[in-house]
N, C-alpha and C. Protein backbone atom coordinates (compact mmCIF):
# COMPACT_ATOMS: atom_id res chain seq x y z
N MET A 1 100.12 165.74 42.52
CA MET A 1 99.98 164.61 43.40
C MET A 1 98.52 164.52 43.83
N LEU A 2 98.01 163.31 43.83
CA LEU A 2 96.67 163.05 44.34
C LEU A 2 96.78 162.76 45.83
N LYS A 3 95.96 163.39 46.64
CA LYS A 3 95.95 163.18 48.10
C LYS A 3 94.54 162.84 48.52
N MET A 4 94.36 161.75 49.27
CA MET A 4 93.04 161.33 49.74
C MET A 4 93.13 160.74 51.14
N VAL A 5 92.07 160.90 51.89
CA VAL A 5 91.90 160.24 53.18
C VAL A 5 90.53 159.60 53.15
N GLY A 6 90.43 158.40 53.70
CA GLY A 6 89.14 157.73 53.71
C GLY A 6 89.02 156.77 54.87
N ASN A 7 87.86 156.21 54.98
CA ASN A 7 87.58 155.21 56.01
C ASN A 7 87.19 153.90 55.34
N GLY A 8 87.58 152.80 55.94
CA GLY A 8 87.26 151.49 55.40
C GLY A 8 87.32 150.44 56.48
N LYS A 9 87.51 149.20 56.08
CA LYS A 9 87.61 148.08 57.02
C LYS A 9 88.73 147.16 56.59
N ARG A 10 89.39 146.60 57.56
CA ARG A 10 90.34 145.51 57.35
C ARG A 10 89.79 144.36 58.17
N GLY A 11 89.18 143.42 57.49
CA GLY A 11 88.45 142.37 58.20
C GLY A 11 87.25 143.00 58.88
N ASP A 12 87.14 142.81 60.18
CA ASP A 12 86.05 143.41 60.96
C ASP A 12 86.45 144.72 61.62
N ARG A 13 87.69 145.12 61.42
CA ARG A 13 88.23 146.30 62.11
C ARG A 13 88.14 147.53 61.22
N PRO A 14 87.56 148.62 61.73
CA PRO A 14 87.54 149.86 60.94
C PRO A 14 88.94 150.46 60.87
N ILE A 15 89.27 151.03 59.72
CA ILE A 15 90.57 151.68 59.55
C ILE A 15 90.37 153.02 58.85
N ARG A 16 91.34 153.89 59.00
CA ARG A 16 91.40 155.13 58.25
C ARG A 16 92.62 155.03 57.36
N PHE A 17 92.50 155.41 56.12
CA PHE A 17 93.64 155.29 55.23
C PHE A 17 93.96 156.62 54.57
N VAL A 18 95.24 156.78 54.21
CA VAL A 18 95.74 157.95 53.52
C VAL A 18 96.36 157.46 52.22
N VAL A 19 96.01 158.11 51.11
CA VAL A 19 96.51 157.71 49.79
C VAL A 19 97.25 158.90 49.17
N PHE A 20 98.45 158.64 48.66
CA PHE A 20 99.20 159.63 47.89
C PHE A 20 99.46 159.01 46.52
N GLY A 21 98.96 159.63 45.49
CA GLY A 21 99.21 159.17 44.13
C GLY A 21 100.22 160.09 43.47
N LEU A 22 101.35 159.52 43.08
CA LEU A 22 102.43 160.32 42.50
C LEU A 22 102.39 160.23 40.98
N SER A 23 102.39 161.39 40.34
CA SER A 23 102.44 161.44 38.88
C SER A 23 103.86 161.17 38.42
N HIS A 24 104.04 160.93 37.13
CA HIS A 24 105.38 160.75 36.59
C HIS A 24 106.23 162.00 36.82
N THR A 25 105.60 163.17 36.78
CA THR A 25 106.33 164.42 37.07
C THR A 25 106.81 164.42 38.52
N ASN A 26 105.96 163.96 39.45
CA ASN A 26 106.37 163.85 40.85
C ASN A 26 107.55 162.89 40.99
N LEU A 27 107.50 161.76 40.30
CA LEU A 27 108.58 160.78 40.38
C LEU A 27 109.88 161.35 39.82
N ASP A 28 109.78 162.09 38.72
CA ASP A 28 110.98 162.74 38.16
C ASP A 28 111.57 163.71 39.16
N ARG A 29 110.71 164.45 39.84
CA ARG A 29 111.16 165.41 40.85
C ARG A 29 111.90 164.68 41.98
N LEU A 30 111.33 163.57 42.45
CA LEU A 30 111.97 162.80 43.52
C LEU A 30 113.32 162.25 43.07
N ARG A 31 113.38 161.75 41.85
CA ARG A 31 114.66 161.23 41.31
C ARG A 31 115.71 162.34 41.20
N ALA A 32 115.26 163.56 41.02
CA ALA A 32 116.18 164.71 40.93
C ALA A 32 116.59 165.22 42.31
N GLY A 33 116.17 164.52 43.37
CA GLY A 33 116.55 164.92 44.72
C GLY A 33 115.73 166.05 45.30
N GLN A 34 114.53 166.27 44.76
CA GLN A 34 113.64 167.33 45.25
C GLN A 34 112.49 166.71 46.03
N PRO A 35 112.55 166.73 47.35
CA PRO A 35 111.48 166.15 48.17
C PRO A 35 110.16 166.89 47.97
N ILE A 36 109.08 166.20 48.26
CA ILE A 36 107.74 166.79 48.22
C ILE A 36 107.27 166.92 49.66
N THR A 37 106.88 168.12 50.06
CA THR A 37 106.37 168.34 51.41
C THR A 37 105.02 169.03 51.33
N PHE A 38 104.18 168.75 52.33
CA PHE A 38 102.90 169.45 52.43
C PHE A 38 102.34 169.25 53.83
N PRO A 39 101.52 170.18 54.29
CA PRO A 39 100.95 170.07 55.63
C PRO A 39 99.84 169.03 55.69
N GLY A 40 99.74 168.36 56.82
CA GLY A 40 98.68 167.38 57.03
C GLY A 40 97.29 167.96 56.88
N GLU A 41 97.16 169.26 57.12
CA GLU A 41 95.86 169.90 56.97
C GLU A 41 95.30 169.72 55.56
N ASP A 42 96.18 169.52 54.57
CA ASP A 42 95.72 169.28 53.20
C ASP A 42 94.85 168.04 53.10
N VAL A 43 95.06 167.09 54.01
CA VAL A 43 94.28 165.85 54.00
C VAL A 43 93.51 165.65 55.31
N GLY A 44 93.30 166.75 56.05
CA GLY A 44 92.50 166.68 57.26
C GLY A 44 93.20 166.10 58.47
N ILE A 45 94.54 166.11 58.48
CA ILE A 45 95.31 165.60 59.62
C ILE A 45 96.08 166.78 60.20
N GLU A 46 95.61 167.30 61.30
CA GLU A 46 96.20 168.49 61.92
C GLU A 46 97.54 168.18 62.58
N GLY A 47 98.45 169.14 62.51
CA GLY A 47 99.70 169.06 63.27
C GLY A 47 100.75 168.11 62.72
N VAL A 48 100.64 167.75 61.45
CA VAL A 48 101.61 166.83 60.83
C VAL A 48 102.13 167.47 59.55
N GLU A 49 103.40 167.33 59.30
CA GLU A 49 103.99 167.75 58.03
C GLU A 49 104.46 166.49 57.31
N PHE A 50 104.02 166.29 56.08
CA PHE A 50 104.43 165.13 55.31
C PHE A 50 105.66 165.47 54.47
N LEU A 51 106.59 164.54 54.42
CA LEU A 51 107.81 164.66 53.63
C LEU A 51 107.94 163.37 52.83
N ILE A 52 107.90 163.48 51.51
CA ILE A 52 108.06 162.33 50.64
C ILE A 52 109.36 162.54 49.88
N PHE A 53 110.25 161.55 49.95
CA PHE A 53 111.53 161.66 49.26
C PHE A 53 111.94 160.27 48.80
N ALA A 54 112.96 160.19 48.00
CA ALA A 54 113.42 158.92 47.47
C ALA A 54 114.93 158.82 47.61
N GLY A 55 115.42 157.60 47.63
CA GLY A 55 116.85 157.37 47.71
C GLY A 55 117.21 156.01 47.17
N GLU A 56 118.48 155.76 47.07
CA GLU A 56 118.98 154.51 46.50
C GLU A 56 118.57 153.30 47.34
N THR A 57 118.75 153.39 48.66
CA THR A 57 118.41 152.29 49.57
C THR A 57 117.81 152.88 50.84
N GLU A 58 117.20 152.01 51.65
CA GLU A 58 116.69 152.46 52.94
C GLU A 58 117.81 153.00 53.81
N GLN A 59 118.98 152.36 53.74
CA GLN A 59 120.11 152.80 54.56
C GLN A 59 120.59 154.19 54.13
N SER A 60 120.68 154.43 52.83
CA SER A 60 121.14 155.74 52.37
C SER A 60 120.14 156.83 52.73
N MET A 61 118.85 156.50 52.67
CA MET A 61 117.84 157.50 53.06
C MET A 61 117.93 157.78 54.56
N GLY A 62 118.18 156.76 55.35
CA GLY A 62 118.35 156.97 56.79
C GLY A 62 119.51 157.90 57.08
N ARG A 63 120.61 157.73 56.36
CA ARG A 63 121.77 158.61 56.55
C ARG A 63 121.42 160.05 56.16
N GLU A 64 120.62 160.21 55.09
CA GLU A 64 120.23 161.56 54.66
C GLU A 64 119.39 162.27 55.71
N LEU A 65 118.60 161.52 56.46
CA LEU A 65 117.72 162.12 57.46
C LEU A 65 118.36 162.25 58.83
N ALA A 66 119.55 161.72 59.00
CA ALA A 66 120.19 161.68 60.32
C ALA A 66 120.27 163.05 60.98
N ASP A 67 120.51 164.10 60.21
CA ASP A 67 120.64 165.44 60.79
C ASP A 67 119.30 165.98 61.30
N LEU A 68 118.18 165.41 60.85
CA LEU A 68 116.87 165.86 61.32
C LEU A 68 116.46 165.22 62.64
N VAL A 69 117.18 164.18 63.04
CA VAL A 69 116.82 163.44 64.24
C VAL A 69 117.53 164.04 65.45
N GLY A 70 116.74 164.47 66.42
CA GLY A 70 117.28 165.03 67.64
C GLY A 70 116.77 164.27 68.85
N PRO A 71 117.07 164.74 70.05
CA PRO A 71 116.70 164.01 71.26
C PRO A 71 115.19 163.90 71.48
N ASN A 72 114.41 164.76 70.87
CA ASN A 72 112.95 164.70 71.05
C ASN A 72 112.24 164.03 69.88
N THR A 73 113.00 163.45 68.97
CA THR A 73 112.42 162.80 67.79
C THR A 73 112.02 161.38 68.13
N LYS A 74 110.79 161.03 67.82
CA LYS A 74 110.32 159.65 67.98
C LYS A 74 110.30 159.02 66.60
N THR A 75 110.99 157.89 66.46
CA THR A 75 111.08 157.24 65.17
C THR A 75 110.63 155.79 65.27
N ARG A 76 110.14 155.29 64.16
CA ARG A 76 109.88 153.86 64.00
C ARG A 76 110.61 153.48 62.73
N ILE A 77 111.62 152.65 62.89
CA ILE A 77 112.47 152.30 61.76
C ILE A 77 112.14 150.88 61.31
N ASP A 78 111.84 150.74 60.03
CA ASP A 78 111.55 149.44 59.45
C ASP A 78 112.75 148.54 59.66
N ARG A 79 112.53 147.30 60.05
CA ARG A 79 113.64 146.38 60.35
C ARG A 79 114.52 146.14 59.13
N ARG A 80 114.00 146.37 57.92
CA ARG A 80 114.84 146.18 56.73
C ARG A 80 116.03 147.12 56.73
N VAL A 81 115.89 148.26 57.39
CA VAL A 81 116.99 149.22 57.47
C VAL A 81 118.10 148.67 58.36
N THR A 82 117.73 148.06 59.47
CA THR A 82 118.73 147.59 60.42
C THR A 82 119.21 146.17 60.12
N ASP A 83 118.42 145.38 59.37
CA ASP A 83 118.81 144.00 59.06
C ASP A 83 119.70 143.89 57.84
N ALA A 84 119.79 144.94 57.05
CA ALA A 84 120.54 144.84 55.78
C ALA A 84 122.03 144.99 56.00
């Protein structure tokens, strides 16, 4: 997997961006139900753990993650999950 962090602009506003490039081997791994995880320190972001996984639909992925959500979990859920 290619991992990058950079700085740029969106219009007149400065932004920081994170890029993950997945190889075909990475995609095969995700299709096989094997998530990819790595610490944020790999891309200069302290205190974050990245989890990349795949599923059939947004709703099915939400159900898969339900056990990880506890009372101290802060989530932002894309409206496509709740509107479908």
